[in-house]
Amino acid sequence: MRGLLLALVGGYAALGAADEHELAHVRRASSLPQGFNRLLFGEDFSAYDAGSQPSRTKWKYDLGTSYPGGPAQWGTGEVQTYTSSTANIVITPQRTLQITPVKSSSGKWTSARIESTAAYDFACRAGGRLRVQASVKLGNNAPARQLGIWPAVWMLGSAFRGNYWSWPGIGELDVLESINGAATAWQTIHCGPNSPGGPCNEYTGVGSNTGFTRGAWHTIALDIDRTNAGGSWRGEKVVWRVDGRVVFTVDGNRVNDQAAWTAVTRSSKFLLLNVAVGGSFPDNVANPQPGVKTPTSATVGGAGSAMEVQYVAVFGG
């Protein structure tokens, strides 16, 4: 992969068959944005065959209702069981990744969640920048039919692996979350102790939201920017963009805790893509039926409640 990245940024050199296959998986994700000179991770789902699934080399499939020995219901109160079934995660005929929540005839929910493997962990270098970028489309079922549906593109600190009670101290950055079929995208960081309040205002986190048209493709991005003069952590910032427009910025001064900020911006990370069903976020935010637990009997799964991803990439600069 290291040789491949040199080819991507320095012109295509002679590649073997295995390299050509790998190159196909990052071609669309490899166009370097202005200010960035390295591709740290790239996955272009159009390179896969329709009906197949993302590579187990790049992606770990989370299964069941918790990590081994970790908090029940993934720590959020989600009700679905994650599977690796093509009913829940598959490459579509349009060569996009589709993660689909499904409700069985007995009312049980399944869905999918994948995370990038440790070989592809990434971090923002001192004095540099890092961008996570993806092309995403969210299902456009009516909100009343998506109560509890919770798609997300996000990151966790690598220290979370095998240490499943360490949230939020290991740092979480949410590139995009959306809930309950709302035409809204949320951007959030989580950090500090696992108790109410703290530097990241847990359990809510430090965040914002912006309008987000469903049923249409959007380019979402999160930058960690450590290029501030003098190198003080207080001047570093995290910047979110939707379709190139800055929608939210957080700097070290706002968090006002060096250890917490270090976990958010300086530690290594891994990516997660998933669609959850139910949980504290959709129960308590943007719920048109306050006090009603999600999902409801009217909530449906299928393509209209799914998340599609064309590509996801991580760039360094």
Protein backbone atom coordinates (compact mmCIF):
# COMPACT_ATOMS: atom_id res chain seq x y z
CA MET A 1 0.00 0.00 0.00
CA ARG A 2 2.85 2.41 0.74
CA GLY A 3 4.17 2.04 -2.79
CA LEU A 4 0.68 2.52 -4.14
CA LEU A 5 0.29 5.80 -2.26
CA LEU A 6 3.50 7.09 -3.83
CA ALA A 7 2.06 6.24 -7.24
CA LEU A 8 -1.13 8.10 -6.43
CA VAL A 9 0.59 11.33 -5.52
CA GLY A 10 3.60 11.12 -7.79
CA GLY A 11 2.19 9.71 -11.03
CA TYR A 12 1.25 6.13 -11.84
CA ALA A 13 4.27 3.85 -11.91
CA ALA A 14 4.38 0.27 -13.16
CA LEU A 15 2.07 -1.76 -10.96
CA GLY A 16 1.60 -5.47 -10.50
CA ALA A 17 -1.77 -7.20 -10.69
CA ALA A 18 -2.30 -7.03 -6.94
CA ASP A 19 -1.44 -3.33 -6.93
CA GLU A 20 -3.84 -2.67 -9.81
CA HIS A 21 -6.62 -4.35 -7.83
CA GLU A 22 -5.81 -2.24 -4.79
CA LEU A 23 -5.60 0.89 -6.92
CA ALA A 24 -9.12 0.30 -8.23
CA HIS A 25 -10.38 0.44 -4.66
CA VAL A 26 -8.99 3.91 -4.06
CA ARG A 27 -9.12 5.55 -7.50
CA ARG A 28 -12.16 7.76 -6.90
CA ALA A 29 -11.08 8.43 -3.30
CA SER A 30 -7.53 9.34 -4.30
CA SER A 31 -8.03 12.85 -5.73
CA LEU A 32 -6.10 14.90 -3.23
CA PRO A 33 -7.96 17.97 -1.93
CA GLN A 34 -6.13 21.27 -1.92
CA GLY A 35 -3.69 21.46 0.99
CA PHE A 36 -3.25 17.68 1.26
CA ASN A 37 -0.44 15.59 -0.22
CA ARG A 38 -0.98 12.05 1.09
CA LEU A 39 -3.70 9.43 0.89
CA LEU A 40 -3.69 7.59 4.23
CA PHE A 41 -6.72 5.38 3.57
CA GLY A 42 -9.03 5.06 0.59
CA GLU A 43 -11.99 2.89 -0.29
CA ASP A 44 -13.93 3.37 -3.53
CA PHE A 45 -16.87 0.98 -3.34
CA SER A 46 -17.48 1.18 -7.11
CA ALA A 47 -14.48 -1.14 -7.55
CA TYR A 48 -16.37 -4.04 -5.95
CA ASP A 49 -18.72 -6.38 -7.79
CA ALA A 50 -22.43 -5.90 -7.24
CA GLY A 51 -23.66 -8.31 -4.58
CA SER A 52 -20.27 -8.54 -2.88
CA GLN A 53 -19.14 -6.99 0.40
CA PRO A 54 -16.28 -4.76 1.58
CA SER A 55 -12.92 -6.43 2.07
CA ARG A 56 -12.30 -8.15 5.42
CA THR A 57 -8.70 -6.97 5.08
CA LYS A 58 -9.75 -3.34 5.30
CA TRP A 59 -12.93 -3.70 7.36
CA LYS A 60 -13.90 -5.53 10.53
CA TYR A 61 -17.58 -6.48 10.78
CA ASP A 62 -18.99 -5.77 14.22
CA LEU A 63 -21.51 -8.45 15.16
CA GLY A 64 -24.23 -8.95 17.74
CA THR A 65 -25.36 -6.48 20.36
CA SER A 66 -22.03 -5.48 21.96
CA TYR A 67 -18.28 -5.82 21.81
CA PRO A 68 -17.02 -8.86 23.76
CA GLY A 69 -17.25 -7.82 27.40
CA GLY A 70 -18.31 -4.31 26.39
CA PRO A 71 -21.43 -2.32 27.32
CA ALA A 72 -24.74 -3.90 26.32
CA GLN A 73 -26.56 -2.55 23.28
CA TRP A 74 -23.31 -0.90 22.12
CA GLY A 75 -23.51 1.48 25.07
CA THR A 76 -26.27 3.59 23.53
CA GLY A 77 -29.47 1.59 24.01
CA GLU A 78 -29.63 0.51 20.35
CA VAL A 79 -32.03 -2.38 19.73
CA GLN A 80 -30.67 -3.93 16.53
CA THR A 81 -28.39 -6.93 16.16
CA TYR A 82 -25.48 -6.30 13.82
CA THR A 83 -24.83 -8.97 11.19
CA SER A 84 -22.60 -9.56 8.17
CA SER A 85 -25.56 -10.66 6.02
CA THR A 86 -25.90 -9.20 2.53
CA ALA A 87 -29.44 -8.28 3.60
CA ASN A 88 -27.78 -5.67 5.83
CA ILE A 89 -24.53 -4.78 4.04
CA VAL A 90 -23.88 -5.18 0.33
CA ILE A 91 -22.52 -3.54 -2.80
CA THR A 92 -25.50 -2.38 -4.85
CA PRO A 93 -25.99 -2.73 -8.61
CA GLN A 94 -24.95 0.94 -8.77
CA ARG A 95 -21.65 -0.06 -7.09
CA THR A 96 -22.23 1.79 -3.84
CA LEU A 97 -22.02 0.40 -0.33
CA GLN A 98 -25.48 0.11 1.20
CA ILE A 99 -26.07 -0.51 4.91
CA THR A 100 -29.70 -1.41 5.47
CA PRO A 101 -31.68 -1.87 8.68
CA VAL A 102 -34.18 -4.70 8.40
CA LYS A 103 -37.19 -5.52 10.60
CA SER A 104 -38.25 -9.16 10.71
CA SER A 105 -41.82 -10.40 10.75
CA SER A 106 -41.46 -10.82 14.54
CA GLY A 107 -40.36 -7.19 14.95
CA LYS A 108 -36.66 -7.89 15.55
CA TRP A 109 -34.18 -5.54 13.94
CA THR A 110 -30.88 -6.28 12.21
CA SER A 111 -28.38 -3.92 10.59
CA ALA A 112 -24.63 -3.63 9.95
CA ARG A 113 -21.60 -1.82 11.31
CA ILE A 114 -18.05 -1.98 9.98
CA GLU A 115 -14.83 -0.42 11.23
CA SER A 116 -11.49 -0.01 9.50
CA THR A 117 -8.87 -2.51 10.63
CA ALA A 118 -5.83 -1.61 12.73
CA ALA A 119 -3.50 -1.78 9.73
CA TYR A 120 -5.21 1.36 8.42
CA ASP A 121 -5.27 3.48 11.59
CA PHE A 122 -4.37 7.10 11.00
CA ALA A 123 -3.38 10.24 12.93
CA CYS A 124 -2.83 13.92 12.29
CA ARG A 125 0.88 14.77 12.40
CA ALA A 126 2.21 17.71 14.43
CA GLY A 127 1.89 20.90 12.40
CA GLY A 128 -0.22 19.16 9.76
CA ARG A 129 -3.79 18.53 8.71
CA LEU A 130 -5.92 15.43 8.34
CA ARG A 131 -9.20 15.10 6.44
CA VAL A 132 -11.79 12.33 6.52
CA GLN A 133 -14.09 12.63 3.52
CA ALA A 134 -16.96 10.55 2.16
CA SER A 135 -19.76 10.69 -0.37
CA VAL A 136 -22.99 9.70 1.38
CA LYS A 137 -26.70 9.41 0.62
CA LEU A 138 -29.34 8.82 3.30
CA GLY A 139 -32.68 7.08 2.80
CA ASN A 140 -35.67 9.34 2.27
CA ASN A 141 -38.50 7.41 3.86
CA ALA A 142 -40.88 9.79 5.64
CA PRO A 143 -39.70 10.75 9.15
CA ALA A 144 -42.62 8.91 10.78
CA ARG A 145 -41.33 5.73 9.12
CA GLN A 146 -37.72 6.33 10.21
CA LEU A 147 -38.14 6.99 13.92
CA GLY A 148 -35.11 5.37 15.54
CA ILE A 149 -33.06 5.01 12.34
CA TRP A 150 -29.57 6.34 13.08
CA PRO A 151 -26.92 6.30 10.30
CA ALA A 152 -23.40 7.50 11.09
CA VAL A 153 -19.91 8.06 9.68
CA TRP A 154 -17.52 8.50 12.58
CA MET A 155 -14.17 7.83 14.28
CA LEU A 156 -12.94 6.44 17.57
CA GLY A 157 -9.49 6.55 19.15
CA SER A 158 -7.50 3.40 18.42
CA ALA A 159 -7.05 2.86 22.17
CA PHE A 160 -10.70 1.79 22.25
CA ARG A 161 -9.86 -1.57 20.69
CA GLY A 162 -9.99 -4.22 23.42
CA ASN A 163 -10.70 -1.52 26.02
CA TYR A 164 -14.42 -1.21 25.47
CA TRP A 165 -15.27 0.73 28.63
CA SER A 166 -12.89 3.58 27.79
CA TRP A 167 -15.41 5.84 26.03
CA PRO A 168 -15.42 8.83 25.79
CA GLY A 169 -11.89 9.27 27.13
CA ILE A 170 -10.36 7.79 23.98
CA GLY A 171 -12.01 10.50 21.86
CA GLU A 172 -14.83 10.29 19.32
CA LEU A 173 -15.41 12.46 16.26
CA ASP A 174 -18.69 12.17 14.38
CA VAL A 175 -18.34 13.26 10.76
CA LEU A 176 -22.06 12.77 10.26
CA GLU A 177 -24.99 11.43 12.24
CA SER A 178 -28.65 11.72 11.32
CA ILE A 179 -31.69 10.44 13.16
CA ASN A 180 -35.43 9.87 12.80
CA GLY A 181 -35.51 10.67 9.09
CA ALA A 182 -34.78 14.34 9.80
CA ALA A 183 -33.33 16.44 6.97
CA THR A 184 -30.50 17.29 9.35
CA ALA A 185 -26.89 16.21 9.87
CA TRP A 186 -25.20 16.39 13.28
CA GLN A 187 -21.47 17.00 13.85
CA THR A 188 -20.10 16.16 17.30
CA ILE A 189 -17.03 15.38 19.39
CA HIS A 190 -16.99 13.36 22.61
CA CYS A 191 -14.14 13.35 25.14
CA GLY A 192 -13.18 13.37 28.81
CA PRO A 193 -14.60 11.31 31.66
CA ASN A 194 -17.65 9.06 31.32
CA SER A 195 -19.84 11.26 33.50
CA PRO A 196 -22.22 14.16 32.91
CA GLY A 197 -20.60 17.43 31.88
CA GLY A 198 -16.83 17.68 31.57
CA PRO A 199 -14.81 19.22 28.75
CA CYS A 200 -17.06 17.80 26.02
CA ASN A 201 -20.41 18.34 27.77
CA GLU A 202 -21.21 14.65 28.07
CA TYR A 203 -23.33 12.83 27.39
CA THR A 204 -24.45 15.26 24.67
CA GLY A 205 -20.99 16.12 23.37
CA VAL A 206 -19.84 19.35 21.76
CA GLY A 207 -21.69 19.64 18.50
CA SER A 208 -23.88 21.37 15.98
CA ASN A 209 -26.22 20.47 13.14
CA THR A 210 -27.05 21.62 9.64
CA GLY A 211 -29.65 20.97 6.95
CA PHE A 212 -29.06 17.83 4.91
CA THR A 213 -31.22 16.80 1.96
CA ARG A 214 -32.13 13.12 2.04
CA GLY A 215 -32.21 11.00 -1.08
CA ALA A 216 -29.33 13.04 -2.58
CA TRP A 217 -25.57 12.58 -2.61
CA HIS A 218 -23.47 14.83 -0.38
CA THR A 219 -19.73 15.13 0.23
CA ILE A 220 -19.04 15.27 3.96
CA ALA A 221 -15.66 16.05 5.48
CA LEU A 222 -13.98 16.56 8.83
CA ASP A 223 -10.58 18.23 9.14
CA ILE A 224 -8.22 18.08 12.10
CA ASP A 225 -6.05 21.17 11.70
CA ARG A 226 -2.80 21.43 13.67
CA THR A 227 -1.16 24.09 11.49
CA ASN A 228 -1.60 26.96 13.97
CA ALA A 229 1.41 29.19 14.54
CA GLY A 230 3.34 28.27 17.66
CA GLY A 231 1.87 24.78 17.85
CA SER A 232 -0.24 25.32 20.97
CA TRP A 233 -3.02 22.76 21.35
CA ARG A 234 -5.42 25.61 22.14
CA GLY A 235 -5.12 26.95 18.59
CA GLU A 236 -5.75 23.60 16.93
CA LYS A 237 -9.21 23.04 15.51
CA VAL A 238 -11.65 20.53 14.08
CA VAL A 239 -13.66 21.72 11.07
CA TRP A 240 -16.70 20.06 9.49
CA ARG A 241 -17.83 20.62 5.89
CA VAL A 242 -20.89 19.57 3.89
CA ASP A 243 -20.52 19.90 0.12
CA GLY A 244 -17.49 22.13 0.66
CA ARG A 245 -19.24 24.54 3.02
CA VAL A 246 -17.91 24.93 6.58
CA VAL A 247 -20.76 24.09 8.96
CA PHE A 248 -19.04 23.81 12.35
CA THR A 249 -15.67 24.48 14.01
CA VAL A 250 -14.33 23.56 17.46
CA ASP A 251 -10.92 24.62 18.79
CA GLY A 252 -8.84 23.62 21.78
CA ASN A 253 -9.93 26.67 23.72
CA ARG A 254 -13.54 25.52 23.64
CA VAL A 255 -12.71 22.11 25.09
CA ASN A 256 -10.22 23.75 27.50
CA ASP A 257 -8.65 20.46 28.60
CA GLN A 258 -5.32 19.42 27.10
CA ALA A 259 -5.62 15.69 27.80
CA ALA A 260 -9.14 15.55 26.36
CA TRP A 261 -8.12 17.56 23.31
CA THR A 262 -5.11 15.32 22.73
CA ALA A 263 -7.39 12.27 22.65
CA VAL A 264 -9.65 13.98 20.10
CA THR A 265 -7.06 15.42 17.71
CA ARG A 266 -3.62 13.88 18.24
CA SER A 267 -4.20 10.18 18.93
CA SER A 268 -4.58 7.57 16.18
CA LYS A 269 -8.09 6.78 14.97
CA PHE A 270 -10.18 4.28 13.06
CA LEU A 271 -13.31 4.74 10.93
CA LEU A 272 -16.80 3.36 11.50
CA LEU A 273 -19.80 3.16 9.16
CA ASN A 274 -23.13 1.94 10.53
CA VAL A 275 -26.89 2.31 10.75
CA ALA A 276 -28.19 1.80 14.28
CA VAL A 277 -31.83 1.43 15.29
CA GLY A 278 -33.15 3.06 18.45
CA GLY A 279 -31.07 4.36 21.33
CA SER A 280 -30.69 7.45 23.44
CA PHE A 281 -29.94 9.86 20.60
CA PRO A 282 -33.04 9.19 18.44
CA ASP A 283 -35.17 8.80 21.58
CA ASN A 284 -34.28 12.24 22.90
CA VAL A 285 -33.33 14.47 19.96
CA ALA A 286 -35.44 15.45 16.94
CA ASN A 287 -38.16 13.08 18.10
CA PRO A 288 -41.56 14.37 16.96
CA GLN A 289 -43.14 12.20 19.66
CA PRO A 290 -41.34 13.30 22.86
CA GLY A 291 -41.21 10.56 25.46
CA VAL A 292 -41.94 7.82 22.91
CA LYS A 293 -39.20 5.21 22.66
CA THR A 294 -37.85 4.46 19.20
CA PRO A 295 -38.24 2.58 16.95
CA THR A 296 -42.03 2.64 16.88
CA SER A 297 -44.43 0.21 15.24
CA ALA A 298 -44.50 2.56 12.23
CA THR A 299 -40.72 2.43 11.70
CA VAL A 300 -39.71 0.47 8.62
CA GLY A 301 -36.41 -0.78 7.28
CA GLY A 302 -35.28 -1.32 3.73
CA ALA A 303 -33.67 0.96 1.16
CA GLY A 304 -35.66 4.00 2.25
CA SER A 305 -34.01 3.78 5.67
CA ALA A 306 -30.54 2.81 4.44
CA MET A 307 -27.25 4.69 4.13
CA GLU A 308 -25.28 4.51 0.88
CA VAL A 309 -21.59 5.39 0.56
CA GLN A 310 -19.75 5.88 -2.73
CA TYR A 311 -16.30 6.25 -1.19
CA VAL A 312 -14.49 7.14 2.03
CA ALA A 313 -10.96 8.49 2.24
CA VAL A 314 -8.47 9.87 4.74
CA PHE A 315 -5.95 12.48 3.55
CA GLY A 316 -2.91 13.93 5.25
CA GLY A 317 -1.15 17.23 4.72
